[in-house]
C-alpha atoms as a PDB file:
ATOM      1  CA  MET A   1     -25.576  23.224  53.353  1.00  0.00           C
ATOM      2  CA  SER A   2     -24.267  25.314  56.175  1.00  0.00           C
ATOM      3  CA  GLU A   3     -23.748  24.711  59.936  1.00  0.00           C
ATOM      4  CA  ASN A   4     -27.523  25.466  60.230  1.00  0.00           C
ATOM      5  CA  ASN A   5     -28.735  23.437  57.378  1.00  0.00           C
ATOM      6  CA  THR A   6     -29.495  26.156  55.575  1.00  0.00           C
ATOM      7  CA  PRO A   7     -29.026  26.120  51.586  1.00  0.00           C
ATOM      8  CA  ARG A   8     -26.377  28.726  50.640  1.00  0.00           C
ATOM      9  CA  THR A   9     -25.671  29.943  47.138  1.00  0.00           C
ATOM     10  CA  LEU A  10     -22.289  31.864  45.562  1.00  0.00           C
ATOM     11  CA  TYR A  11     -23.199  35.608  44.228  1.00  0.00           C
ATOM     12  CA  VAL A  12     -20.688  37.554  42.460  1.00  0.00           C
ATOM     13  CA  ALA A  13     -20.649  41.432  42.809  1.00  0.00           C
ATOM     14  CA  TYR A  14     -19.079  43.918  40.876  1.00  0.00           C
ATOM     15  CA  GLY A  15     -20.803  47.242  42.009  1.00  0.00           C
ATOM     16  CA  LYS A  16     -22.561  48.072  45.353  1.00  0.00           C
ATOM     17  CA  GLY A  17     -22.131  44.470  46.480  1.00  0.00           C
ATOM     18  CA  LEU A  18     -18.494  44.782  46.807  1.00  0.00           C
ATOM     19  CA  ASN A  19     -19.380  47.389  49.623  1.00  0.00           C
ATOM     20  CA  ILE A  20     -18.724  45.108  52.631  1.00  0.00           C
ATOM     21  CA  ARG A  21     -21.017  47.228  55.105  1.00  0.00           C
ATOM     22  CA  GLU A  22     -23.689  47.273  52.519  1.00  0.00           C
ATOM     23  CA  MET A  23     -23.617  43.708  52.366  1.00  0.00           C
ATOM     24  CA  LYS A  24     -23.627  43.027  55.625  1.00  0.00           C
ATOM     25  CA  ARG A  25     -26.646  45.199  56.315  1.00  0.00           C
ATOM     26  CA  HIS A  26     -28.792  43.815  53.700  1.00  0.00           C
ATOM     27  CA  CYS A  27     -27.525  40.091  54.103  1.00  0.00           C
ATOM     28  CA  PRO A  28     -26.043  39.849  57.516  1.00  0.00           C
ATOM     29  CA  ASP A  29     -25.385  36.080  57.361  1.00  0.00           C
ATOM     30  CA  ALA A  30     -23.246  36.857  54.183  1.00  0.00           C
ATOM     31  CA  GLU A  31     -19.775  35.275  54.064  1.00  0.00           C
ATOM     32  CA  LEU A  32     -17.018  36.770  51.755  1.00  0.00           C
ATOM     33  CA  VAL A  33     -15.390  33.496  49.514  1.00  0.00           C
ATOM     34  CA  GLY A  34     -13.303  35.853  47.796  1.00  0.00           C
ATOM     35  CA  THR A  35     -12.296  38.215  45.292  1.00  0.00           C
ATOM     36  CA  GLY A  36     -11.167  37.716  41.655  1.00  0.00           C
ATOM     37  CA  GLU A  37     -12.235  38.825  37.931  1.00  0.00           C
ATOM     38  CA  ILE A  38     -14.307  38.137  35.435  1.00  0.00           C
ATOM     39  CA  ASP A  39     -12.304  38.042  31.989  1.00  0.00           C
ATOM     40  CA  GLY A  40     -13.756  39.724  28.537  1.00  0.00           C
ATOM     41  CA  GLN A  41     -15.848  42.115  30.268  1.00  0.00           C
ATOM     42  CA  GLU A  42     -15.865  46.100  31.328  1.00  0.00           C
ATOM     43  CA  LEU A  43     -18.118  48.143  33.061  1.00  0.00           C
ATOM     44  CA  ARG A  44     -20.751  50.691  32.431  1.00  0.00           C
ATOM     45  CA  PHE A  45     -23.443  52.580  34.098  1.00  0.00           C
ATOM     46  CA  LYS A  46     -26.792  51.811  32.788  1.00  0.00           C
ATOM     47  CA  GLY A  47     -30.115  52.274  33.782  1.00  0.00           C
ATOM     48  CA  ILE A  48     -32.649  55.758  34.037  1.00  0.00           C
ATOM     49  CA  ALA A  49     -31.749  58.755  34.965  1.00  0.00           C
ATOM     50  CA  GLN A  50     -30.451  58.997  39.095  1.00  0.00           C
ATOM     51  CA  TYR A  51     -31.308  54.956  38.919  1.00  0.00           C
ATOM     52  CA  SER A  52     -28.258  53.765  36.827  1.00  0.00           C
ATOM     53  CA  TYR A  53     -26.051  50.956  38.363  1.00  0.00           C
ATOM     54  CA  LEU A  54     -22.822  49.167  36.955  1.00  0.00           C
ATOM     55  CA  THR A  55     -23.431  46.808  34.413  1.00  0.00           C
ATOM     56  CA  LEU A  56     -20.864  44.417  32.552  1.00  0.00           C
ATOM     57  CA  CYS A  57     -20.537  45.073  28.713  1.00  0.00           C
ATOM     58  CA  PRO A  58     -18.126  42.681  26.838  1.00  0.00           C
ATOM     59  CA  ASN A  59     -14.697  43.730  25.969  1.00  0.00           C
ATOM     60  CA  LYS A  60     -11.979  40.516  24.989  1.00  0.00           C
ATOM     61  CA  GLU A  61      -9.172  42.751  26.212  1.00  0.00           C
ATOM     62  CA  SER A  62     -10.700  43.686  29.752  1.00  0.00           C
ATOM     63  CA  SER A  63     -11.474  42.160  33.012  1.00  0.00           C
ATOM     64  CA  VAL A  64     -13.475  43.273  35.916  1.00  0.00           C
ATOM     65  CA  PRO A  65     -12.847  42.934  39.687  1.00  0.00           C
ATOM     66  CA  VAL A  66     -15.271  40.779  41.553  1.00  0.00           C
ATOM     67  CA  ALA A  67     -16.302  40.045  45.331  1.00  0.00           C
ATOM     68  CA  VAL A  68     -17.860  36.285  45.606  1.00  0.00           C
ATOM     69  CA  TRP A  69     -20.442  36.041  48.329  1.00  0.00           C
ATOM     70  CA  LYS A  70     -21.902  32.683  49.901  1.00  0.00           C
ATOM     71  CA  LEU A  71     -25.493  33.898  50.968  1.00  0.00           C
ATOM     72  CA  ARG A  72     -28.637  32.033  52.166  1.00  0.00           C
ATOM     73  CA  GLU A  73     -30.678  31.131  49.689  1.00  0.00           C
ATOM     74  CA  GLU A  74     -33.613  33.482  50.929  1.00  0.00           C
ATOM     75  CA  ASP A  75     -30.993  36.549  51.074  1.00  0.00           C
ATOM     76  CA  ALA A  76     -30.014  35.566  47.283  1.00  0.00           C
ATOM     77  CA  ASP A  77     -34.052  35.761  46.493  1.00  0.00           C
ATOM     78  CA  LYS A  78     -33.768  39.744  47.704  1.00  0.00           C
ATOM     79  CA  PHE A  79     -31.679  40.583  44.701  1.00  0.00           C
ATOM     80  CA  LYS A  80     -34.491  39.611  42.180  1.00  0.00           C
ATOM     81  CA  LYS A  81     -36.391  42.464  43.960  1.00  0.00           C
ATOM     82  CA  VAL A  82     -33.284  44.849  44.845  1.00  0.00           C
ATOM     83  CA  GLU A  83     -31.620  44.270  40.776  1.00  0.00           C
ATOM     84  CA  ASN A  84     -34.932  45.414  39.169  1.00  0.00           C
ATOM     85  CA  GLY A  85     -34.784  45.321  35.357  1.00  0.00           C
ATOM     86  CA  SER A  86     -31.538  43.276  35.369  1.00  0.00           C
ATOM     87  CA  SER A  87     -31.042  39.883  34.449  1.00  0.00           C
ATOM     88  CA  LYS A  88     -29.854  36.919  36.201  1.00  0.00           C
ATOM     89  CA  LYS A  89     -26.634  35.196  34.889  1.00  0.00           C
ATOM     90  CA  PRO A  90     -24.315  32.551  35.744  1.00  0.00           C
ATOM     91  CA  PHE A  91     -20.437  33.553  36.007  1.00  0.00           C
ATOM     92  CA  SER A  92     -17.533  31.731  36.014  1.00  0.00           C
ATOM     93  CA  VAL A  93     -14.836  33.819  38.514  1.00  0.00           C
ATOM     94  CA  LEU A  94     -11.281  32.731  38.746  1.00  0.00           C
ATOM     95  CA  LEU A  95     -10.409  33.644  42.253  1.00  0.00           C
ATOM     96  CA  ASP A  96      -6.915  35.290  43.647  1.00  0.00           C
ATOM     97  CA  ASN A  97      -6.409  32.384  45.361  1.00  0.00           C
ATOM     98  CA  GLY A  98      -6.220  30.174  41.687  1.00  0.00           C
ATOM     99  CA  TYR A  99      -9.936  28.687  42.199  1.00  0.00           C
ATOM    100  CA  THR A 100     -12.652  29.241  39.771  1.00  0.00           C
ATOM    101  CA  VAL A 101     -16.059  29.109  41.010  1.00  0.00           C
ATOM    102  CA  ASN A 102     -19.711  29.346  39.296  1.00  0.00           C
ATOM    103  CA  ALA A 103     -21.670  32.220  40.748  1.00  0.00           C
ATOM    104  CA  PHE A 104     -24.765  34.156  39.633  1.00  0.00           C
ATOM    105  CA  GLY A 105     -25.145  37.752  39.391  1.00  0.00           C
ATOM    106  CA  PHE A 106     -26.726  40.378  37.612  1.00  0.00           C
ATOM    107  CA  TYR A 107     -26.413  42.689  34.698  1.00  0.00           C
ATOM    108  CA  TYR A 108     -28.452  45.110  32.486  1.00  0.00           C
ATOM    109  CA  GLU A 109     -29.675  43.998  28.852  1.00  0.00           C
ATOM    110  CA  HIS A 110     -29.022  46.039  26.016  1.00  0.00           C
ATOM    111  CA  GLU A 111     -32.379  47.635  26.307  1.00  0.00           C
ATOM    112  CA  TYR A 112     -31.388  50.280  29.255  1.00  0.00           C
ATOM    113  CA  SER A 113     -29.229  53.277  28.050  1.00  0.00           C
ATOM    114  CA  ILE A 114     -26.379  54.570  29.459  1.00  0.00           C
ATOM    115  CA  ALA A 115     -26.834  56.583  31.908  1.00  0.00           C
ATOM    116  CA  MET A 116     -25.269  58.789  34.998  1.00  0.00           C
ATOM    117  CA  PRO A 117     -25.174  57.212  38.414  1.00  0.00           C
ATOM    118  CA  ALA A 118     -26.504  58.854  41.740  1.00  0.00           C
ATOM    119  CA  LYS A 119     -23.532  60.265  43.711  1.00  0.00           C
ATOM    120  CA  ARG A 120     -24.502  58.055  46.777  1.00  0.00           C
ATOM    121  CA  TYR A 121     -24.268  55.006  44.494  1.00  0.00           C
ATOM    122  CA  PHE A 122     -20.884  56.008  42.978  1.00  0.00           C
ATOM    123  CA  GLN A 123     -19.655  56.649  46.415  1.00  0.00           C
ATOM    124  CA  GLU A 124     -20.919  53.108  47.908  1.00  0.00           C
ATOM    125  CA  VAL A 125     -19.233  51.191  45.107  1.00  0.00           C
ATOM    126  CA  TYR A 126     -16.048  53.055  45.501  1.00  0.00           C
ATOM    127  CA  GLN A 127     -15.841  52.200  49.198  1.00  0.00           C
ATOM    128  CA  GLY A 128     -16.528  48.738  47.792  1.00  0.00           C
ATOM    129  CA  TYR A 129     -13.141  49.029  45.762  1.00  0.00           C
ATOM    130  CA  VAL A 130     -11.501  50.193  48.850  1.00  0.00           C
ATOM    131  CA  ASP A 131     -12.536  47.230  51.140  1.00  0.00           C
ATOM    132  CA  ASN A 132     -11.408  44.520  48.778  1.00  0.00           C
ATOM    133  CA  GLY A 133      -8.377  46.333  47.650  1.00  0.00           C
ATOM    134  CA  PHE A 134      -9.369  47.133  44.157  1.00  0.00           C
ATOM    135  CA  ASP A 135      -7.394  49.421  41.633  1.00  0.00           C
ATOM    136  CA  THR A 136     -10.241  52.507  42.035  1.00  0.00           C
ATOM    137  CA  GLN A 137      -8.989  53.857  38.715  1.00  0.00           C
ATOM    138  CA  ILE A 138     -11.134  50.921  37.155  1.00  0.00           C
ATOM    139  CA  LEU A 139     -14.231  52.448  38.793  1.00  0.00           C
ATOM    140  CA  HIS A 140     -13.185  55.904  37.376  1.00  0.00           C
ATOM    141  CA  ASP A 141     -12.552  54.666  33.923  1.00  0.00           C
ATOM    142  CA  ALA A 142     -16.210  53.187  33.632  1.00  0.00           C
ATOM    143  CA  LEU A 143     -17.393  56.561  34.998  1.00  0.00           C
ATOM    144  CA  ILE A 144     -15.389  58.384  32.069  1.00  0.00           C
ATOM    145  CA  ASN A 145     -16.325  55.808  29.446  1.00  0.00           C
ATOM    146  CA  THR A 146     -20.158  56.000  30.472  1.00  0.00           C
ATOM    147  CA  THR A 147     -19.753  59.969  30.245  1.00  0.00           C
ATOM    148  CA  HIS A 148     -18.295  59.986  26.708  1.00  0.00           C
ATOM    149  CA  GLU A 149     -20.983  57.605  25.454  1.00  0.00           C
ATOM    150  CA  PHE A 150     -23.557  59.892  27.597  1.00  0.00           C
ATOM    151  CA  TYR A 151     -22.793  63.416  25.901  1.00  0.00           C
ATOM    152  CA  THR A 152     -21.637  64.141  22.516  1.00  0.00           C
ATOM    153  CA  LYS A 153     -19.997  67.074  21.342  1.00  0.00           C
ATOM    154  CA  THR A 154     -22.146  69.044  18.934  1.00  0.00           C
ATOM    155  CA  LYS A 155     -20.903  71.491  16.119  1.00  0.00           C
ATOM    156  CA  ASP A 156     -21.221  74.478  17.852  1.00  0.00           C
ATOM    157  CA  GLY A 157     -19.231  73.097  20.795  1.00  0.00           C
ATOM    158  CA  TRP A 158     -21.927  72.713  23.203  1.00  0.00           C
ATOM    159  CA  LEU A 159     -22.566  69.135  24.556  1.00  0.00           C
ATOM    160  CA  GLU A 160     -25.703  67.239  23.947  1.00  0.00           C
ATOM    161  CA  PHE A 161     -27.553  64.078  25.528  1.00  0.00           C
ATOM    162  CA  SER A 162     -27.046  60.873  23.498  1.00  0.00           C
ATOM    163  CA  THR A 163     -27.015  57.247  23.411  1.00  0.00           C
ATOM    164  CA  PRO A 164     -24.971  54.625  21.849  1.00  0.00           C
ATOM    165  CA  TYR A 165     -28.769  53.818  20.421  1.00  0.00           C
ATOM    166  CA  GLU A 166     -29.213  57.093  19.085  1.00  0.00           C
ATOM    167  CA  GLN A 167     -25.920  57.773  17.842  1.00  0.00           C
ATOM    168  CA  ALA A 168     -26.060  54.512  15.561  1.00  0.00           C
ATOM    169  CA  GLY A 169     -28.883  55.753  13.844  1.00  0.00           C
ATOM    170  CA  ASN A 170     -31.218  52.932  15.667  1.00  0.00           C
ATOM    171  CA  GLU A 171     -29.118  50.804  14.129  1.00  0.00           C
ATOM    172  CA  GLU A 172     -27.388  47.783  16.149  1.00  0.00           C
ATOM    173  CA  ILE A 173     -24.020  48.734  17.869  1.00  0.00           C
ATOM    174  CA  THR A 174     -21.178  46.518  16.152  1.00  0.00           C
ATOM    175  CA  GLU A 175     -17.965  49.612  17.265  1.00  0.00           C
ATOM    176  CA  ASN A 176     -17.523  51.327  20.462  1.00  0.00           C
ATOM    177  CA  PRO A 177     -19.460  54.638  19.733  1.00  0.00           C
ATOM    178  CA  CYS A 178     -16.772  56.304  22.024  1.00  0.00           C
ATOM    179  CA  ASP A 179     -14.365  58.020  19.600  1.00  0.00           C
ATOM    180  CA  GLU A 180     -12.055  60.144  21.459  1.00  0.00           C
ATOM    181  CA  THR A 181     -11.871  62.805  18.317  1.00  0.00           C
ATOM    182  CA  GLN A 182     -15.331  63.280  18.287  1.00  0.00           C
ATOM    183  CA  LEU A 183     -16.437  63.182  21.886  1.00  0.00           C
ATOM    184  CA  SER A 184     -15.694  65.378  24.968  1.00  0.00           C
ATOM    185  CA  ILE A 185     -16.892  65.411  28.231  1.00  0.00           C
ATOM    186  CA  LYS A 186     -15.827  69.491  28.733  1.00  0.00           C
ATOM    187  CA  PRO A 187     -18.037  72.136  26.834  1.00  0.00           C
ATOM    188  CA  THR A 188     -15.836  74.693  24.720  1.00  0.00           C
ATOM    189  CA  MET A 189     -17.143  78.246  25.157  1.00  0.00           C
ATOM    190  CA  GLN A 190     -17.376  80.372  22.231  1.00  0.00           C
END
């Protein structure tokens, strides 16, 4: 318990929760415990239309930078409403100071499609990367990889909307559908 006997919990942020100003606006009593990373994951944007958010996707060769916040339990309960459609999950986070902590976070399950984020959301997350001293190239890579999965190149050179689910013929995906030789984010002109 904290000084005022209010129960606290640890929350791991890898999206908008990295933005210190936004986190303080939503949870004024939030305390930044530290930054670190979650191994074996990479970032993608998932959701619907302009309501897509960063989520984690397994990748043994990657890691995701995160911030760990100490929140009042009633503030943590707000995330159940804010993170609509996502699943709460415990994470083990290796902090930059060498300690490992257990915290909860949210991620979007596989039933949500790859989708492009709203400009404002991307900018808020980008500011969070700056706030925490993270390499913004990681965020740009997430956007590029999401874009590759969102669009496919057709035979006539035009881009076509697609999701990994559609690309796999409604079968479970076991490989990365993002093959650089088959996908493009720029249409070719005829």
